[in-house]
Protein backbone atom coordinates (compact mmCIF):
# COMPACT_ATOMS: atom_id res chain seq x y z
CA MET A 1 8.15 -12.11 -13.48
CA ARG A 2 10.33 -14.49 -11.49
CA GLU A 3 8.71 -16.72 -9.28
CA ASP A 4 10.82 -15.81 -6.22
CA VAL A 5 10.34 -12.10 -7.10
CA ARG A 6 6.51 -12.56 -7.25
CA LEU A 7 6.38 -14.56 -3.97
CA PHE A 8 8.35 -12.04 -2.30
CA ALA A 9 6.13 -9.01 -3.58
CA GLU A 10 3.09 -10.79 -2.46
CA ARG A 11 4.51 -11.26 1.06
CA MET A 12 5.29 -7.44 0.80
CA GLU A 13 1.82 -6.73 0.14
CA GLU A 14 0.73 -8.94 2.99
CA VAL A 15 2.91 -6.93 5.47
CA LEU A 16 1.73 -3.69 3.95
CA LYS A 17 -1.82 -4.80 4.67
CA GLU A 18 -1.07 -5.76 8.38
CA ASN A 19 -0.19 -1.91 8.66
CA ASN A 20 -3.36 -0.29 6.96
CA HIS A 21 -4.30 1.09 10.21
CA ARG A 22 -1.39 3.56 10.02
CA GLU A 23 -1.13 6.74 8.28
CA GLY A 24 0.17 6.55 4.70
CA TRP A 25 3.45 7.19 3.58
CA GLU A 26 2.45 9.89 1.53
CA ASN A 27 2.37 12.24 4.41
CA MET A 28 5.93 11.40 5.44
CA SER A 29 9.17 12.85 3.97
CA ALA A 30 11.76 10.83 2.20
CA LEU A 31 14.17 11.56 5.38
CA GLU A 32 11.49 10.27 7.62
CA LEU A 33 10.82 7.17 5.38
CA PHE A 34 14.68 6.61 5.48
CA SER A 35 14.82 6.91 9.20
CA CYS A 36 12.17 4.07 9.35
CA PHE A 37 14.19 2.10 6.71
CA LEU A 38 17.18 2.13 8.96
CA GLY A 39 15.14 1.16 12.12
CA GLU A 40 14.01 -2.04 9.91
CA VAL A 41 17.62 -2.76 8.84
CA TYR A 42 18.60 -2.92 12.38
CA GLU A 43 15.67 -5.19 13.20
CA LEU A 44 16.59 -7.44 10.40
CA ASP A 45 20.27 -7.47 11.64
CA SER A 46 18.88 -8.60 14.97
CA ALA A 47 16.66 -11.34 13.31
CA LEU A 48 19.58 -12.78 11.25
CA TRP A 49 22.35 -12.59 14.02
CA TYR A 50 20.32 -13.29 17.15
CA GLY A 51 17.00 -15.29 15.62
CA ASP A 52 15.23 -12.08 17.13
CA GLY A 53 12.25 -12.08 14.93
CA ASP A 54 11.09 -13.50 11.35
CA VAL A 55 13.78 -12.84 8.86
CA VAL A 56 11.65 -12.88 5.79
CA LYS A 57 9.15 -10.49 7.49
CA GLU A 58 11.97 -8.12 8.38
CA CYS A 59 13.14 -8.22 4.80
CA CYS A 60 9.81 -7.34 3.46
CA ASP A 61 9.64 -4.27 6.14
CA VAL A 62 13.04 -3.08 4.62
CA ALA A 63 11.92 -3.57 1.10
CA ASN A 64 8.60 -1.93 1.81
CA PHE A 65 10.28 1.16 3.21
CA ALA A 66 12.63 1.38 0.15
CA MET A 67 9.44 1.14 -2.26
CA MET A 68 7.92 3.98 -0.34
CA ILE A 69 11.05 6.21 -0.79
CA ALA A 70 11.15 5.24 -4.54
CA ASP A 71 7.42 6.06 -4.92
CA LYS A 72 7.90 9.32 -3.49
CA GLU A 73 10.89 9.85 -5.86
CA ARG A 74 8.89 8.65 -8.69
CA ARG A 75 5.81 11.14 -8.03
CA LYS A 76 8.17 13.94 -7.87
CA LYS A 77 9.20 13.51 -11.47
């Protein structure tokens, strides 16, 4: 695995662990997850344009919601 991918995946896991207190994504529909994904994209946009937040964390949030949607699709097959 590429070093940059490994480091990003590790950070994604850290961000997921920070949210362990929340209910799992297994109970959310793909459309609900997509809505959360879009919200995170807007937060990333704000972090990039206005310095409003941690860009790397927002990238992880976006990637984690994409992973959750992919996980739901994978489980359907």
